[in-house]
Structures are given as C-alpha cells and as structure tokens.
N, C-alpha and C. Protein backbone atom coordinates (compact mmCIF):
# COMPACT_ATOMS: atom_id res chain seq x y z
N MET A 1 -15.31 61.23 106.43
CA MET A 1 -14.15 62.78 106.60
C MET A 1 -12.68 61.87 106.85
N ILE A 2 -13.10 60.96 107.70
CA ILE A 2 -11.63 60.24 108.09
C ILE A 2 -11.33 59.29 106.97
N LYS A 3 -12.26 58.63 106.24
CA LYS A 3 -12.13 57.43 105.45
C LYS A 3 -11.27 57.68 103.88
N ARG A 4 -11.38 59.33 104.00
CA ARG A 4 -10.35 59.98 102.28
C ARG A 4 -8.93 60.02 103.29
N MET A 5 -8.44 59.97 104.27
CA MET A 5 -7.33 59.94 105.18
C MET A 5 -6.76 58.87 105.18
N LEU A 6 -7.38 57.55 105.23
CA LEU A 6 -7.23 56.64 105.55
C LEU A 6 -6.08 55.83 104.75
N PRO A 7 -5.97 55.96 103.51
CA PRO A 7 -4.65 55.53 102.65
C PRO A 7 -3.80 56.28 103.46
N ILE A 8 -3.42 57.31 103.55
CA ILE A 8 -2.38 58.20 103.88
C ILE A 8 -2.19 57.64 105.51
N VAL A 9 -2.66 57.52 106.20
CA VAL A 9 -2.42 57.13 107.66
C VAL A 9 -1.79 55.72 107.28
N ALA A 10 -2.76 55.07 106.60
CA ALA A 10 -1.95 53.26 106.40
C ALA A 10 -0.57 53.30 105.71
N ILE A 11 -0.20 53.84 105.27
CA ILE A 11 0.86 54.39 104.42
C ILE A 11 1.80 54.55 105.42
N SER A 12 1.86 55.89 106.38
CA SER A 12 2.51 56.20 107.19
C SER A 12 2.86 55.16 108.44
N SER A 13 1.55 54.27 108.79
CA SER A 13 1.50 53.13 109.78
C SER A 13 2.42 52.28 108.94
N ILE A 14 2.31 51.86 107.84
CA ILE A 14 3.16 50.52 107.26
C ILE A 14 4.73 51.09 107.13
N TYR A 15 5.06 52.61 107.17
CA TYR A 15 6.50 53.13 107.49
C TYR A 15 7.21 52.69 108.90
N ILE A 16 6.39 53.36 109.67
CA ILE A 16 6.95 53.13 111.26
C ILE A 16 6.78 51.76 111.34
N ILE A 17 6.04 50.71 110.81
CA ILE A 17 6.33 49.41 111.58
C ILE A 17 7.62 48.98 110.69
N VAL A 18 7.57 49.21 109.40
CA VAL A 18 9.08 48.99 108.87
C VAL A 18 10.31 49.40 109.11
N PHE A 19 10.04 50.56 109.74
CA PHE A 19 11.42 50.90 110.18
C PHE A 19 11.71 50.64 111.59
N ASN A 20 10.48 50.44 112.35
CA ASN A 20 10.94 49.60 113.73
C ASN A 20 11.47 48.15 113.28
N VAL A 21 10.83 47.42 112.57
CA VAL A 21 11.33 46.17 112.54
C VAL A 21 12.68 46.45 112.24
N LEU A 22 13.16 46.95 110.92
CA LEU A 22 14.57 47.18 110.62
C LEU A 22 15.51 47.90 111.25
N SER A 23 14.95 48.65 111.87
CA SER A 23 15.96 49.34 112.86
C SER A 23 16.56 48.10 113.98
N PHE A 24 15.55 47.76 115.07
CA PHE A 24 15.56 46.97 115.89
C PHE A 24 16.10 45.50 115.56
N VAL A 25 15.85 45.06 114.27
CA VAL A 25 16.47 43.87 113.73
C VAL A 25 18.15 43.79 112.97
N LEU A 26 18.36 45.33 112.64
CA LEU A 26 20.09 45.23 112.12
C LEU A 26 20.54 46.12 112.92
N SER A 27 19.99 46.42 114.20
CA SER A 27 21.06 47.26 114.78
C SER A 27 21.78 45.86 115.92
N ASN A 28 23.10 45.96 116.08
CA ASN A 28 24.21 45.81 116.97
C ASN A 28 24.02 45.58 118.23
N HIS A 29 23.66 46.94 118.45
CA HIS A 29 24.07 47.44 120.09
C HIS A 29 22.70 49.15 120.06
N TYR A 30 22.38 49.17 120.95
CA TYR A 30 21.59 49.92 121.26
C TYR A 30 22.32 51.08 122.24
N ASP A 31 23.03 52.01 121.81
CA ASP A 31 23.75 53.06 122.20
C ASP A 31 22.86 54.58 121.98
N SER A 32 23.36 55.37 122.64
CA SER A 32 23.20 56.59 122.53
C SER A 32 22.48 57.14 121.07
N ASN A 33 23.69 56.71 120.06
CA ASN A 33 23.57 57.00 118.58
C ASN A 33 22.25 56.52 118.42
N PHE A 34 21.97 55.49 118.59
CA PHE A 34 20.74 54.84 117.83
C PHE A 34 19.40 55.44 118.71
N TRP A 35 19.59 55.42 119.66
CA TRP A 35 18.29 56.37 120.12
C TRP A 35 18.01 57.66 119.92
N CYS A 36 19.15 58.35 119.90
CA CYS A 36 18.98 59.67 119.23
C CYS A 36 18.15 59.61 117.68
N GLY A 37 18.74 58.71 116.85
CA GLY A 37 18.40 58.78 115.74
C GLY A 37 17.05 58.23 115.65
N TYR A 38 16.65 57.33 116.56
CA TYR A 38 15.51 56.84 116.52
C TYR A 38 14.70 57.31 117.04
N ILE A 39 14.64 58.73 118.15
CA ILE A 39 13.53 59.20 119.04
C ILE A 39 13.12 60.14 117.93
N PHE A 40 14.07 60.87 117.41
CA PHE A 40 13.74 62.16 116.04
C PHE A 40 12.75 61.68 114.80
N ILE A 41 13.31 60.32 114.12
CA ILE A 41 12.57 59.87 113.26
C ILE A 41 11.28 59.73 113.60
N THR A 42 11.05 58.57 115.22
CA THR A 42 9.51 58.48 115.77
C THR A 42 8.63 59.91 115.81
N LEU A 43 9.63 60.86 116.42
CA LEU A 43 8.91 61.95 116.52
C LEU A 43 8.99 63.04 115.21
N ALA A 44 9.09 63.04 114.00
CA ALA A 44 8.85 63.15 112.78
C ALA A 44 7.65 62.60 112.47
N TRP A 45 7.53 60.91 112.83
CA TRP A 45 6.12 60.66 112.42
C TRP A 45 5.16 60.72 112.77
N ILE A 46 5.38 60.63 114.20
CA ILE A 46 4.40 61.37 115.20
C ILE A 46 3.37 62.86 114.75
N CYS A 47 4.33 63.80 113.94
CA CYS A 47 4.23 65.04 113.61
C CYS A 47 3.07 64.95 112.35
N LEU A 48 4.07 63.98 111.61
CA LEU A 48 2.63 63.83 110.37
C LEU A 48 1.76 63.21 110.72
N ILE A 49 1.52 62.00 111.25
CA ILE A 49 0.18 61.85 111.71
C ILE A 49 -0.68 63.10 112.26
N VAL A 50 -0.19 63.55 113.11
CA VAL A 50 -1.20 64.66 113.90
C VAL A 50 -1.40 65.82 112.47
N VAL A 51 -0.79 65.97 111.66
CA VAL A 51 -0.91 66.80 110.62
C VAL A 51 -1.91 66.04 109.39
N GLU A 52 -1.97 64.82 109.61
CA GLU A 52 -2.98 64.14 108.57
C GLU A 52 -4.19 64.03 109.45
N PHE A 53 -4.52 64.16 110.71
CA PHE A 53 -5.70 63.71 111.48
C PHE A 53 -6.36 65.49 111.26
N ILE A 54 -5.53 65.98 111.80
CA ILE A 54 -6.28 67.41 111.61
C ILE A 54 -6.52 67.79 110.02
N THR A 55 -5.75 67.56 108.98
CA THR A 55 -6.47 67.68 107.66
C THR A 55 -7.99 66.82 107.69
N GLY A 56 -7.75 65.46 108.16
CA GLY A 56 -8.70 64.70 107.75
C GLY A 56 -9.87 65.18 108.74
N SER A 57 -9.88 65.69 109.73
CA SER A 57 -11.06 66.07 110.61
C SER A 57 -11.78 68.02 110.61
N LYS A 58 -11.11 68.38 109.33
CA LYS A 58 -12.54 69.26 108.86
C LYS A 58 -12.89 69.25 108.49
N LYS A 59 -14.58 69.93 108.43
CA LYS A 59 -15.71 69.94 108.34
C LYS A 59 -15.67 69.76 106.74
N ASN A 60 -14.99 70.62 105.69
CA ASN A 60 -15.28 70.81 105.01
C ASN A 60 -13.98 70.19 103.85
N ILE A 61 -13.77 68.99 103.27
CA ILE A 61 -12.65 68.13 103.40
C ILE A 61 -12.19 68.56 102.31
N GLU A 62 -12.72 69.20 100.98
CA GLU A 62 -12.18 69.66 100.03
C GLU A 62 -11.35 70.77 100.43
N GLN A 63 -11.66 71.52 101.07
CA GLN A 63 -11.20 72.75 101.14
C GLN A 63 -10.02 72.76 102.54
N SER A 64 -10.35 72.01 103.24
CA SER A 64 -9.30 71.46 103.97
C SER A 64 -8.12 70.77 103.49
N LEU A 65 -7.94 69.67 102.41
CA LEU A 65 -7.03 69.28 101.89
C LEU A 65 -6.48 70.32 100.91
N PHE A 66 -7.34 71.13 100.18
CA PHE A 66 -6.36 72.30 99.64
C PHE A 66 -5.54 72.75 100.19
N LEU A 67 -6.08 73.43 101.41
CA LEU A 67 -5.21 74.41 102.39
C LEU A 67 -3.94 73.81 103.15
N ASN A 68 -4.29 72.34 103.42
CA ASN A 68 -3.31 72.00 104.30
C ASN A 68 -2.32 70.91 103.42
N ALA A 69 -2.59 70.84 102.09
CA ALA A 69 -1.57 70.18 101.48
C ALA A 69 -0.05 70.49 101.48
N PRO A 70 0.32 71.89 101.88
CA PRO A 70 1.46 72.36 102.09
C PRO A 70 2.00 71.91 103.14
N GLY A 71 0.94 71.35 104.32
CA GLY A 71 1.20 70.92 105.67
C GLY A 71 1.87 69.76 105.50
N LEU A 72 0.93 68.89 104.67
CA LEU A 72 1.41 67.52 104.40
C LEU A 72 2.76 67.24 104.22
N LEU A 73 3.08 68.26 102.65
CA LEU A 73 4.27 68.28 102.32
C LEU A 73 5.46 68.76 102.98
N ILE A 74 4.98 69.56 103.60
CA ILE A 74 6.17 69.89 104.38
C ILE A 74 6.49 68.72 105.42
N SER A 75 5.55 68.18 106.30
CA SER A 75 5.47 67.17 106.98
C SER A 75 6.04 65.80 106.57
N VAL A 76 6.03 65.60 105.05
CA VAL A 76 6.80 64.07 104.59
C VAL A 76 7.97 64.89 104.42
N VAL A 77 8.67 66.11 103.66
CA VAL A 77 9.53 66.33 103.69
C VAL A 77 10.83 66.14 104.94
N HIS A 78 9.89 66.37 106.13
CA HIS A 78 10.82 66.65 107.44
C HIS A 78 10.77 64.94 108.00
N LEU A 79 10.14 64.38 107.42
CA LEU A 79 9.81 63.07 107.94
C LEU A 79 10.84 62.34 107.07
N ILE A 80 11.55 62.71 105.61
CA ILE A 80 12.24 62.16 105.08
C ILE A 80 13.73 62.60 105.73
N VAL A 81 13.87 64.09 106.03
CA VAL A 81 14.96 64.52 105.97
C VAL A 81 15.59 64.09 107.75
N GLN A 82 14.30 63.84 108.62
CA GLN A 82 15.06 63.21 109.29
C GLN A 82 15.37 61.71 109.76
N THR A 83 14.45 60.74 108.83
CA THR A 83 15.14 59.65 108.21
C THR A 83 16.61 59.40 107.77
N ALA A 84 16.54 60.51 107.28
CA ALA A 84 18.15 60.18 106.42
C ALA A 84 19.11 60.43 107.04
N PHE A 85 18.65 61.28 108.16
CA PHE A 85 19.83 62.07 109.10
C PHE A 85 19.90 60.78 110.05
N GLY A 86 18.58 60.51 110.58
CA GLY A 86 18.80 59.10 111.68
C GLY A 86 19.10 58.33 111.44
N ILE A 87 19.07 57.69 110.53
CA ILE A 87 19.95 56.52 109.68
C ILE A 87 21.36 56.45 109.95
N ALA A 88 21.71 57.71 109.48
CA ALA A 88 23.25 58.22 109.56
C ALA A 88 23.97 58.40 110.71
N VAL A 89 23.05 58.47 111.57
CA VAL A 89 23.11 58.82 113.40
C VAL A 89 23.59 57.41 113.65
N MET A 90 22.52 56.95 113.46
CA MET A 90 22.46 55.25 113.82
C MET A 90 23.42 54.38 113.17
N ALA A 91 24.06 54.82 111.99
CA ALA A 91 24.61 53.98 111.41
C ALA A 91 26.46 54.48 111.65
N ILE A 92 26.59 55.26 112.04
CA ILE A 92 27.98 55.53 112.55
C ILE A 92 28.07 55.80 113.56
N PRO A 93 29.03 54.77 114.21
CA PRO A 93 29.04 54.63 115.83
C PRO A 93 29.72 55.87 116.50
N SER A 94 30.68 56.36 115.92
CA SER A 94 31.64 57.25 116.15
C SER A 94 31.18 58.86 116.01
N TYR A 95 30.08 58.81 115.25
CA TYR A 95 29.38 60.41 115.38
C TYR A 95 28.85 60.96 116.61
N SER A 96 29.35 61.96 117.02
CA SER A 96 29.14 62.70 117.84
C SER A 96 27.39 63.21 118.46
N VAL A 97 27.17 62.55 119.51
CA VAL A 97 25.86 62.56 120.09
C VAL A 97 25.37 64.00 120.15
N LYS A 98 26.10 64.97 120.45
CA LYS A 98 25.72 65.84 120.91
C LYS A 98 25.56 66.74 119.54
N ILE A 99 26.14 66.50 118.86
CA ILE A 99 26.02 67.38 117.63
C ILE A 99 25.10 66.96 116.57
N SER A 100 24.52 65.53 116.91
CA SER A 100 23.34 65.06 115.87
C SER A 100 22.01 65.61 116.72
N VAL A 101 22.24 65.65 118.32
CA VAL A 101 21.11 66.30 118.80
C VAL A 101 20.62 67.70 118.52
N CYS A 102 21.74 68.57 118.21
CA CYS A 102 21.83 69.72 117.76
C CYS A 102 21.17 70.09 116.76
N ILE A 103 21.83 69.20 115.50
CA ILE A 103 21.18 69.08 114.45
C ILE A 103 19.82 68.81 114.41
N GLU A 104 19.47 67.72 114.92
CA GLU A 104 18.12 67.61 114.84
C GLU A 104 16.89 68.39 115.45
N ILE A 105 17.71 69.06 116.48
CA ILE A 105 17.01 69.99 116.98
C ILE A 105 16.62 71.31 116.35
N VAL A 106 17.55 71.69 115.75
CA VAL A 106 17.12 72.73 114.66
C VAL A 106 16.51 72.50 113.46
N VAL A 107 16.53 70.82 112.87
CA VAL A 107 15.62 70.63 111.69
C VAL A 107 14.41 70.79 112.33
N PHE A 108 14.02 70.31 113.74
CA PHE A 108 12.47 69.80 114.19
C PHE A 108 11.84 71.49 114.06
N ALA A 109 13.11 72.24 114.81
CA ALA A 109 12.73 74.08 114.86
C ALA A 109 12.22 74.24 113.49
N ILE A 110 12.77 73.99 112.67
CA ILE A 110 12.30 74.77 110.97
C ILE A 110 11.25 74.04 110.97
N TYR A 111 10.83 72.95 111.13
CA TYR A 111 9.99 72.52 110.72
C TYR A 111 8.43 72.89 111.51
N LEU A 112 8.71 73.59 112.88
CA LEU A 112 7.75 73.85 113.62
C LEU A 112 7.58 75.14 113.18
N VAL A 113 8.70 76.34 112.72
CA VAL A 113 8.41 77.42 112.40
C VAL A 113 7.73 77.74 111.14
N LEU A 114 7.74 76.49 110.00
CA LEU A 114 7.35 76.58 108.90
C LEU A 114 5.56 76.38 109.10
N ILE A 115 5.37 75.07 109.67
CA ILE A 115 3.85 74.93 110.28
C ILE A 115 3.28 75.98 110.87
N GLY A 116 3.69 76.43 111.67
CA GLY A 116 3.34 77.80 112.12
C GLY A 116 2.90 78.83 111.02
N LEU A 117 3.84 79.04 110.50
CA LEU A 117 4.03 80.41 109.57
C LEU A 117 2.78 79.62 108.50
N LEU A 118 2.38 78.48 108.26
CA LEU A 118 1.64 78.33 107.02
C LEU A 118 0.06 78.37 107.84
N GLU A 119 0.21 77.92 109.44
CA GLU A 119 -0.93 77.99 109.91
C GLU A 119 -1.57 79.94 110.19
N ILE A 120 -0.71 80.37 110.20
CA ILE A 120 -0.94 81.51 110.45
C ILE A 120 -1.41 82.27 109.18
N TYR A 121 -0.65 82.12 107.95
CA TYR A 121 -1.11 82.35 106.48
C TYR A 121 -2.69 81.73 106.29
N LYS A 122 -2.85 80.55 106.53
CA LYS A 122 -4.28 79.98 106.42
C LYS A 122 -5.47 81.07 106.97
N LYS A 123 -4.77 81.06 108.48
CA LYS A 123 -5.91 81.80 109.56
C LYS A 123 -6.50 83.00 108.49
N ARG A 124 -5.22 83.97 108.33
CA ARG A 124 -5.55 85.32 107.80
C ARG A 124 -6.59 85.11 106.24
N ASN A 125 -5.74 84.42 105.49
CA ASN A 125 -6.92 84.24 104.12
C ASN A 125 -7.98 83.60 103.83
N VAL A 126 -8.48 82.87 105.20
CA VAL A 126 -9.77 82.16 105.21
C VAL A 126 -10.95 83.09 105.93
N GLN A 127 -10.13 83.88 106.73
CA GLN A 127 -11.31 84.94 107.21
C GLN A 127 -11.53 86.45 106.40
C-alpha cells in the first residue's frame, strides 16, 4: 500500500530538500523574517506528508485515495500558499513579523478547519 504513495512522498521530499538548500544558500541573514517564513513552510510540508501517509495507510487503498483526494489537494494548495507567502516574508526584510505570523496562523487555521470538516464528512458518509 505504501508503495503506491512512494512517488508523492518522493516529490514532496525533493521539494523540501530543494527548498532548504535554496533558502539557506540564498539568504544573507537569518533574522526573524527568515525563520517565520521557514517554519510555516516546513509546517505546511509536514502536514502534507502526514496526509499522504494517512491516505496510503488505509486497507482499501482505492477507496482511501478517492476519499482522501480532496485532503491531498487541500494540503498541496496549503503548501503552495504558505510557500508563496513565506518566501515573500523571507525576501522583504522590512515586513512586520507580527503581521506575517498572524497571517500565517490564519492560513494554517483555515487549513485545519477544512481538513477537519472533510474528515467529518467522510466519517458520516462512509458509515
């Protein structure tokens, strides 16, 4: 079952490796803006990996992939949004860290609510 998820996990792992290399090589200074963007992008990547493993660990993989496809899509969109905003926070040194943390937390909260609602929907319709 995990073998079917291996390409998605491999692509996600390549993404985080490339992101880490580029972010640490291209950054001149590691201030609070850098760490704010970096932490939330890494958190979004961890959420994507968790959703991928939950999807791949189901016994009936076809049903699991069908029901969890929206979860994977939401996780990928969340990763893209966090990456775009995180890079903007990292690149603009005059950007307020307080505002960026608030925006990042709101985006993460929306993601958690959507994933939670999706899980509630799946549990009600599967039983």
